[in-house]
Amino acid sequence: MIVQMSKVSTKKDLDNIVSYLTNLGYGIKDASSDNVVLFGVLGDVNLLDIEQVKSFNGVLNVTRISSPYKLASKSLKHEPTIITLKNGVKIGGDDFVMMAGPCSVESEEQLDTIAKALSESGVRVLRGGVFKPRTSPYSFQGLGVEGLKLMRKIADKYNMAIITELMGVDEIDEFVKYADIIQVGARNMQNFTLLKEIGKTKLPVMLKRGFSNTIEEWLMSAEYIMAGGNESVILCERGIRTFEKYTRNTLDISAVLAVKELSHLPIIIDPSHAAGRWELIEKLSLASYAVGADGLIVEVHHEPEKAFSDGRQSLKPEKYDHMANELRKLSTVLGRDIKWKKFLLSVLV
């Protein structure tokens, strides 16, 4: 529910209605701007008497939010959410975020080699998989907390921030200590216990869409994080599972348009996990940019044939550079105002 106050309402009027609602057990989310005083009422408002709320002095209008997600809804917040990292990188709004790098953190030498190459391309945020959720228990599972510490060491060497995937609540304290952004993978999109705990942190969160989840379910998972107090959520479309076998997953590029219509949260595309084939990534990336995505996650490895995981879908650095140049050309055609020298975000997925 959204409550809008009149222009002539006083602070006392606002305090009275807010006090009434909080005493009934509802949460209050301020959504005011320079021109309007507005707030959302959080909780089950089905039994709340709208006429009673309207009767308070200073209340201009009361509107129910029909969607089950409130904080993530565009009904509550019309302006796009912009997440600013500690090193100044912005995610959302007019900025476009390029993400690139290897799937797994394999060794210090491997990570240093890739981070050095990407830093020379202007990369300012580094992400790598240190806890790897794999289908087979015999596949490489990642370096764990030691890998996280290694990421911090290499990132600091090249003046980068880091983002990496969190698998369970037991590692949250370590992530808060070393990471700059928490990634929630597709397999954990509906791990509500994990989402609630992440909601208690102050770190930005990148939430990947589940293999077979609807957009509404995805936004409801974002709501779990935001309801805990952490509203810095980035959505990531990484392809959904269909009957198609040629590609690893099916990229739902229409999800960008749907999210832009339904939510104020930024959305980025992961063409690598969608395609599973490096030769398809550039064209999918161009399409993602053209449709209005806020950024990309593209896997890059200097020796993909030796990669511990996902080498088949990893671009070599020179292919990545070519794709970045093609995106720059497309930006000129589309007229999107992007600070190309500042937008590069390297992600090791």
Protein backbone atom coordinates (compact mmCIF):
# COMPACT_ATOMS: atom_id res chain seq x y z
CA MET A 1 0.00 0.00 0.00
CA ILE A 2 1.20 3.51 -0.85
CA VAL A 3 0.14 6.58 1.11
CA GLN A 4 0.60 10.02 -0.43
CA MET A 5 0.44 13.13 1.73
CA SER A 6 -0.96 16.43 0.48
CA LYS A 7 1.32 19.37 -0.19
CA VAL A 8 -0.16 21.27 2.75
CA SER A 9 0.26 18.40 5.23
CA THR A 10 2.42 19.01 8.28
CA LYS A 11 5.06 16.91 10.01
CA LYS A 12 2.53 16.28 12.77
CA ASP A 13 0.06 14.92 10.18
CA LEU A 14 2.74 12.54 8.87
CA ASP A 15 3.78 11.44 12.36
CA ASN A 16 0.15 10.69 13.29
CA ILE A 17 -0.56 8.38 10.35
CA VAL A 18 2.82 6.67 10.62
CA SER A 19 2.32 6.09 14.34
CA TYR A 20 -1.14 4.63 13.69
CA LEU A 21 0.18 2.17 11.12
CA THR A 22 3.28 1.10 13.07
CA ASN A 23 1.14 0.46 16.16
CA LEU A 24 -0.86 -1.97 14.02
CA GLY A 25 2.35 -3.83 13.22
CA TYR A 26 3.04 -2.51 9.71
CA GLY A 27 6.44 -1.48 8.38
CA ILE A 28 6.95 1.93 6.80
CA LYS A 29 9.17 2.63 3.79
CA ASP A 30 9.75 6.27 2.90
CA ALA A 31 9.53 6.86 -0.87
CA SER A 32 9.37 10.67 -0.85
CA SER A 33 10.98 12.91 -3.43
CA ASP A 34 11.57 16.66 -3.60
CA ASN A 35 8.02 17.21 -4.84
CA VAL A 36 5.93 14.66 -2.97
CA VAL A 37 5.73 13.03 0.46
CA LEU A 38 5.08 9.34 -0.10
CA PHE A 39 5.56 6.15 1.89
CA GLY A 40 4.86 2.47 1.51
CA VAL A 41 3.04 0.35 4.08
CA LEU A 42 4.69 -3.07 4.36
CA GLY A 43 2.91 -6.19 5.56
CA ASP A 44 -0.45 -7.89 4.95
CA VAL A 45 -2.69 -4.89 4.32
CA ASN A 46 -5.72 -6.87 3.15
CA LEU A 47 -7.51 -6.28 6.44
CA LEU A 48 -6.46 -2.65 6.72
CA ASP A 49 -9.34 -0.20 6.39
CA ILE A 50 -8.33 2.14 3.56
CA GLU A 51 -11.11 4.59 4.38
CA GLN A 52 -9.78 4.85 7.92
CA VAL A 53 -6.31 5.64 6.59
CA LYS A 54 -7.73 8.22 4.18
CA SER A 55 -9.52 9.96 7.05
CA PHE A 56 -6.27 11.11 8.67
CA ASN A 57 -5.41 14.79 8.25
CA GLY A 58 -2.95 15.43 5.45
CA VAL A 59 -3.54 12.14 3.59
CA LEU A 60 -4.18 12.85 -0.09
CA ASN A 61 -4.36 9.37 -1.59
CA VAL A 62 -4.07 5.69 -0.65
CA THR A 63 -3.28 3.02 -3.25
CA ARG A 64 -2.90 -0.72 -2.84
CA ILE A 65 0.12 -2.35 -4.52
CA SER A 66 -1.23 -5.36 -6.37
CA SER A 67 2.12 -7.19 -6.73
CA PRO A 68 3.23 -9.54 -3.93
CA TYR A 69 6.64 -7.82 -3.85
CA LYS A 70 6.52 -4.30 -2.42
CA LEU A 71 10.06 -2.96 -1.94
CA ALA A 72 11.18 -4.23 -5.34
CA SER A 73 8.12 -2.82 -7.09
CA LYS A 74 8.23 0.18 -9.37
CA SER A 75 4.92 1.22 -7.82
CA LEU A 76 6.80 2.14 -4.65
CA LYS A 77 9.89 3.63 -6.28
CA HIS A 78 9.73 5.08 -9.79
CA GLU A 79 13.37 6.15 -10.16
CA PRO A 80 15.87 3.39 -11.01
CA THR A 81 18.04 2.16 -8.17
CA ILE A 82 21.71 3.05 -8.64
CA ILE A 83 24.23 1.10 -6.59
CA THR A 84 27.57 2.81 -6.04
CA LEU A 85 30.51 0.64 -5.01
CA LYS A 86 33.29 1.82 -2.73
CA ASN A 87 35.59 2.49 -5.67
CA GLY A 88 33.00 4.63 -7.46
CA VAL A 89 31.63 2.10 -9.98
CA LYS A 90 27.89 2.61 -10.49
CA ILE A 91 25.43 -0.15 -11.35
CA GLY A 92 22.08 0.99 -12.74
CA GLY A 93 20.81 4.25 -14.17
CA ASP A 94 22.70 5.44 -17.26
CA ASP A 95 25.86 3.45 -16.56
CA PHE A 96 26.51 0.14 -18.31
CA VAL A 97 28.59 -2.47 -16.48
CA MET A 98 30.84 -4.89 -18.37
CA MET A 99 31.71 -8.01 -16.41
CA ALA A 100 34.43 -10.40 -17.55
CA GLY A 101 36.83 -13.01 -16.20
CA PRO A 102 37.37 -16.73 -15.49
CA CYS A 103 34.78 -19.00 -13.94
CA SER A 104 36.88 -20.22 -11.01
CA VAL A 105 39.73 -18.87 -8.95
CA GLU A 106 42.28 -21.63 -9.62
CA SER A 107 45.58 -20.28 -8.31
CA GLU A 108 47.36 -17.04 -7.47
CA GLU A 109 49.26 -17.11 -10.77
CA GLN A 110 46.08 -17.64 -12.79
CA LEU A 111 44.15 -14.92 -10.99
CA ASP A 112 47.02 -12.45 -11.12
CA THR A 113 47.52 -13.00 -14.86
CA ILE A 114 43.86 -12.36 -15.65
CA ALA A 115 43.45 -9.46 -13.20
CA LYS A 116 46.51 -7.72 -14.65
CA ALA A 117 45.21 -8.04 -18.21
CA LEU A 118 41.75 -6.83 -17.28
CA SER A 119 43.02 -3.95 -15.15
CA GLU A 120 44.90 -2.70 -18.22
CA SER A 121 41.50 -2.59 -19.95
CA GLY A 122 40.09 -0.33 -17.21
CA VAL A 123 38.50 -3.01 -15.01
CA ARG A 124 37.84 -1.85 -11.46
CA VAL A 125 35.88 -4.75 -9.93
CA LEU A 126 37.02 -8.37 -9.87
CA ARG A 127 34.84 -11.40 -9.22
CA GLY A 128 35.82 -15.04 -8.99
CA GLY A 129 34.17 -18.27 -7.92
CA VAL A 130 35.75 -19.54 -4.68
CA PHE A 131 32.83 -21.75 -3.60
CA LYS A 132 31.75 -23.58 -6.76
CA PRO A 133 28.31 -25.28 -6.81
CA ARG A 134 28.81 -28.14 -9.25
CA THR A 135 26.41 -30.77 -10.56
CA SER A 136 28.98 -33.51 -9.97
CA PRO A 137 30.51 -33.99 -6.49
CA TYR A 138 33.77 -34.96 -8.22
CA SER A 139 34.16 -31.63 -10.06
CA PHE A 140 36.37 -28.81 -8.78
CA GLN A 141 34.57 -27.19 -5.84
CA GLY A 142 36.68 -24.05 -5.47
CA LEU A 143 39.38 -22.86 -3.05
CA GLY A 144 36.96 -21.74 -0.34
CA VAL A 145 37.87 -19.04 2.17
CA GLU A 146 41.53 -19.16 1.09
CA GLY A 147 40.38 -18.32 -2.42
CA LEU A 148 38.41 -15.39 -1.03
CA LYS A 149 41.51 -14.07 0.73
CA LEU A 150 43.48 -14.53 -2.48
CA MET A 151 40.90 -12.51 -4.39
CA ARG A 152 41.21 -9.68 -1.89
CA LYS A 153 44.99 -9.72 -2.21
CA ILE A 154 44.98 -9.61 -6.02
CA ALA A 155 42.14 -7.08 -6.21
CA ASP A 156 43.96 -4.72 -3.86
CA LYS A 157 47.10 -5.07 -5.97
CA TYR A 158 45.24 -3.71 -9.00
CA ASN A 159 42.95 -1.32 -7.09
CA MET A 160 39.80 -3.39 -7.70
CA ALA A 161 36.72 -4.25 -5.71
CA ILE A 162 35.56 -7.90 -5.66
CA ILE A 163 32.31 -9.84 -6.04
CA THR A 164 31.97 -13.58 -5.46
CA GLU A 165 29.29 -16.20 -4.84
CA LEU A 166 28.12 -17.03 -1.33
CA MET A 167 26.93 -20.61 -0.84
CA GLY A 168 25.82 -20.74 2.80
CA VAL A 169 25.21 -18.74 5.95
CA ASP A 170 28.38 -20.10 7.59
CA GLU A 171 30.59 -18.01 5.29
CA ILE A 172 28.75 -14.69 5.66
CA ASP A 173 31.18 -13.24 8.21
CA GLU A 174 34.13 -13.98 5.92
CA PHE A 175 32.34 -12.42 2.96
CA VAL A 176 31.55 -9.26 4.89
CA LYS A 177 35.24 -9.08 5.81
CA TYR A 178 36.70 -9.56 2.33
CA ALA A 179 34.07 -9.08 -0.42
CA ASP A 180 32.49 -5.93 -1.85
CA ILE A 181 29.47 -7.60 -3.52
CA ILE A 182 27.77 -10.89 -2.65
CA GLN A 183 26.58 -13.07 -5.52
CA VAL A 184 23.63 -15.42 -4.99
CA GLY A 185 23.70 -18.17 -7.62
CA ALA A 186 20.80 -19.70 -9.52
CA ARG A 187 20.73 -22.75 -7.26
CA ASN A 188 20.25 -20.56 -4.19
CA MET A 189 17.70 -18.11 -5.57
CA GLN A 190 15.00 -19.58 -3.31
CA ASN A 191 17.22 -20.45 -0.36
CA PHE A 192 15.15 -18.17 1.84
CA THR A 193 17.22 -18.76 4.97
CA LEU A 194 20.30 -17.56 3.12
CA LEU A 195 18.43 -14.60 1.59
CA LYS A 196 17.20 -13.47 5.01
CA GLU A 197 20.72 -13.54 6.44
CA ILE A 198 22.11 -11.64 3.45
CA GLY A 199 19.38 -9.07 4.01
CA LYS A 200 21.00 -8.25 7.36
CA THR A 201 24.28 -7.26 5.68
CA LYS A 202 25.09 -3.93 4.09
CA LEU A 203 26.89 -5.38 1.05
CA PRO A 204 25.33 -5.05 -2.42
CA VAL A 205 23.90 -8.35 -3.70
CA MET A 206 23.73 -9.79 -7.22
CA LEU A 207 20.79 -12.22 -7.38
CA LYS A 208 20.80 -14.68 -10.28
CA ARG A 209 17.50 -16.03 -11.62
CA GLY A 210 16.86 -19.72 -10.95
CA PHE A 211 16.89 -22.33 -13.70
CA SER A 212 13.11 -22.65 -13.88
CA ASN A 213 11.79 -19.67 -11.94
CA THR A 214 9.32 -17.07 -13.09
CA ILE A 215 10.12 -13.37 -13.04
CA GLU A 216 7.67 -12.89 -10.15
CA GLU A 217 9.39 -15.59 -8.09
CA TRP A 218 12.73 -13.93 -8.86
CA LEU A 219 11.47 -10.55 -7.66
CA MET A 220 9.99 -12.17 -4.57
CA SER A 221 13.46 -13.52 -3.74
CA ALA A 222 14.82 -9.99 -4.10
CA GLU A 223 12.05 -8.92 -1.71
CA TYR A 224 13.37 -11.32 0.94
CA ILE A 225 16.75 -9.59 0.83
CA MET A 226 15.25 -6.09 0.79
CA ALA A 227 12.79 -6.83 3.59
CA GLY A 228 15.80 -7.64 5.79
CA GLY A 229 17.09 -4.10 5.31
CA ASN A 230 19.46 -4.53 2.35
CA GLU A 231 18.01 -2.73 -0.66
CA SER A 232 21.16 -2.82 -2.83
CA VAL A 233 20.04 -5.70 -5.05
CA ILE A 234 21.18 -6.35 -8.62
CA LEU A 235 19.20 -8.86 -10.70
CA CYS A 236 21.00 -11.18 -13.11
CA GLU A 237 19.32 -13.09 -15.96
CA ARG A 238 21.53 -16.10 -16.79
CA GLY A 239 19.26 -18.20 -18.97
CA ILE A 240 16.48 -20.60 -18.03
CA ARG A 241 16.10 -24.33 -18.59
CA THR A 242 14.06 -25.37 -21.63
CA PHE A 243 13.96 -28.39 -23.96
CA GLU A 244 16.72 -26.90 -26.15
CA LYS A 245 20.02 -28.83 -26.14
CA TYR A 246 22.19 -26.77 -28.52
CA THR A 247 22.74 -24.06 -25.91
CA ARG A 248 23.42 -24.64 -22.22
CA ASN A 249 20.30 -22.67 -21.26
CA THR A 250 17.87 -20.37 -23.08
CA LEU A 251 18.54 -16.66 -22.62
CA ASP A 252 15.28 -14.92 -21.70
CA ILE A 253 16.22 -11.52 -23.06
CA SER A 254 12.62 -10.35 -22.62
CA ALA A 255 13.25 -10.52 -18.86
CA VAL A 256 15.12 -7.21 -19.18
CA LEU A 257 12.01 -5.48 -20.49
CA ALA A 258 9.78 -7.17 -17.92
CA VAL A 259 12.01 -6.16 -15.01
CA LYS A 260 12.27 -2.59 -16.29
CA GLU A 261 8.46 -2.41 -16.32
CA LEU A 262 7.91 -4.07 -12.95
CA SER A 263 10.88 -3.01 -10.83
CA HIS A 264 13.37 -0.24 -10.15
CA LEU A 265 16.25 -2.69 -9.58
CA PRO A 266 19.12 -2.88 -12.09
CA ILE A 267 19.36 -6.01 -14.26
CA ILE A 268 22.41 -7.48 -15.93
CA ILE A 269 22.75 -10.37 -18.40
CA ASP A 270 25.00 -13.43 -18.20
CA PRO A 271 25.29 -14.64 -21.83
CA SER A 272 28.03 -17.16 -20.96
CA HIS A 273 25.85 -19.42 -18.80
CA ALA A 274 22.93 -18.91 -21.15
CA ALA A 275 24.82 -19.97 -24.28
CA GLY A 276 27.47 -22.32 -22.92
CA ARG A 277 29.40 -21.65 -26.14
CA TRP A 278 31.95 -18.84 -26.48
CA GLU A 279 31.17 -18.19 -30.15
CA LEU A 280 27.61 -17.08 -29.30
CA ILE A 281 28.52 -14.64 -26.53
CA GLU A 282 29.33 -11.52 -28.54
CA LYS A 283 26.03 -11.41 -30.45
CA LEU A 284 24.00 -12.17 -27.31
CA SER A 285 25.86 -9.39 -25.52
CA LEU A 286 25.08 -6.89 -28.27
CA ALA A 287 21.42 -7.88 -28.13
CA SER A 288 21.38 -7.54 -24.34
CA TYR A 289 22.84 -4.07 -24.56
CA ALA A 290 20.39 -3.06 -27.28
CA VAL A 291 17.36 -4.20 -25.28
CA GLY A 292 18.36 -2.03 -22.30
CA ALA A 293 20.27 -4.24 -19.86
CA ASP A 294 22.34 -2.43 -17.23
CA GLY A 295 25.38 -4.63 -17.75
CA LEU A 296 26.89 -7.98 -18.70
CA ILE A 297 28.74 -10.85 -17.06
CA VAL A 298 31.02 -12.50 -19.61
CA GLU A 299 33.46 -15.28 -18.77
CA VAL A 300 37.06 -14.74 -19.88
CA HIS A 301 40.06 -17.04 -19.45
CA HIS A 302 43.56 -16.67 -20.89
CA GLU A 303 43.79 -20.46 -21.34
CA PRO A 304 40.20 -21.72 -21.62
CA GLU A 305 41.36 -25.16 -22.77
CA LYS A 306 43.00 -25.58 -19.34
CA ALA A 307 40.25 -23.98 -17.24
CA PHE A 308 39.05 -25.97 -14.23
CA SER A 309 35.44 -25.11 -15.15
CA ASP A 310 33.41 -23.59 -18.00
CA GLY A 311 36.30 -23.28 -20.44
CA ARG A 312 33.94 -23.98 -23.37
CA GLN A 313 32.00 -20.79 -22.70
CA SER A 314 34.97 -18.55 -21.89
CA LEU A 315 36.27 -15.86 -24.23
CA LYS A 316 39.97 -15.28 -24.62
CA PRO A 317 41.08 -11.72 -23.70
CA GLU A 318 41.43 -10.67 -27.34
CA LYS A 319 37.88 -11.84 -28.11
CA TYR A 320 36.66 -9.90 -25.10
CA ASP A 321 38.38 -6.74 -26.35
CA HIS A 322 36.75 -7.18 -29.77
CA MET A 323 33.33 -7.54 -28.16
CA ALA A 324 33.88 -4.44 -26.02
CA ASN A 325 34.76 -2.44 -29.14
CA GLU A 326 31.60 -3.68 -30.88
CA LEU A 327 29.56 -2.56 -27.88
CA ARG A 328 31.14 0.88 -28.09
CA LYS A 329 30.12 1.10 -31.74
CA LEU A 330 26.57 0.06 -30.88
CA SER A 331 26.38 2.67 -28.14
CA THR A 332 26.99 5.36 -30.76
CA VAL A 333 24.20 4.02 -32.94
CA LEU A 334 21.73 3.74 -30.07
CA GLY A 335 22.68 7.07 -28.56
CA ARG A 336 23.00 5.75 -25.02
CA ASP A 337 25.08 8.12 -22.93
CA ILE A 338 27.64 5.82 -21.34
CA LYS A 339 30.95 6.70 -19.69
CA TRP A 340 32.89 3.97 -21.48
CA LYS A 341 36.15 4.72 -19.69
CA LYS A 342 34.49 4.15 -16.31
CA PHE A 343 31.98 1.38 -16.86
CA LEU A 344 34.17 -1.73 -17.08
CA LEU A 345 33.39 -4.29 -14.35
CA SER A 346 35.31 -7.55 -14.51
CA VAL A 347 33.58 -10.60 -13.13
CA LEU A 348 34.98 -14.08 -12.70
CA VAL A 349 31.81 -16.15 -12.68
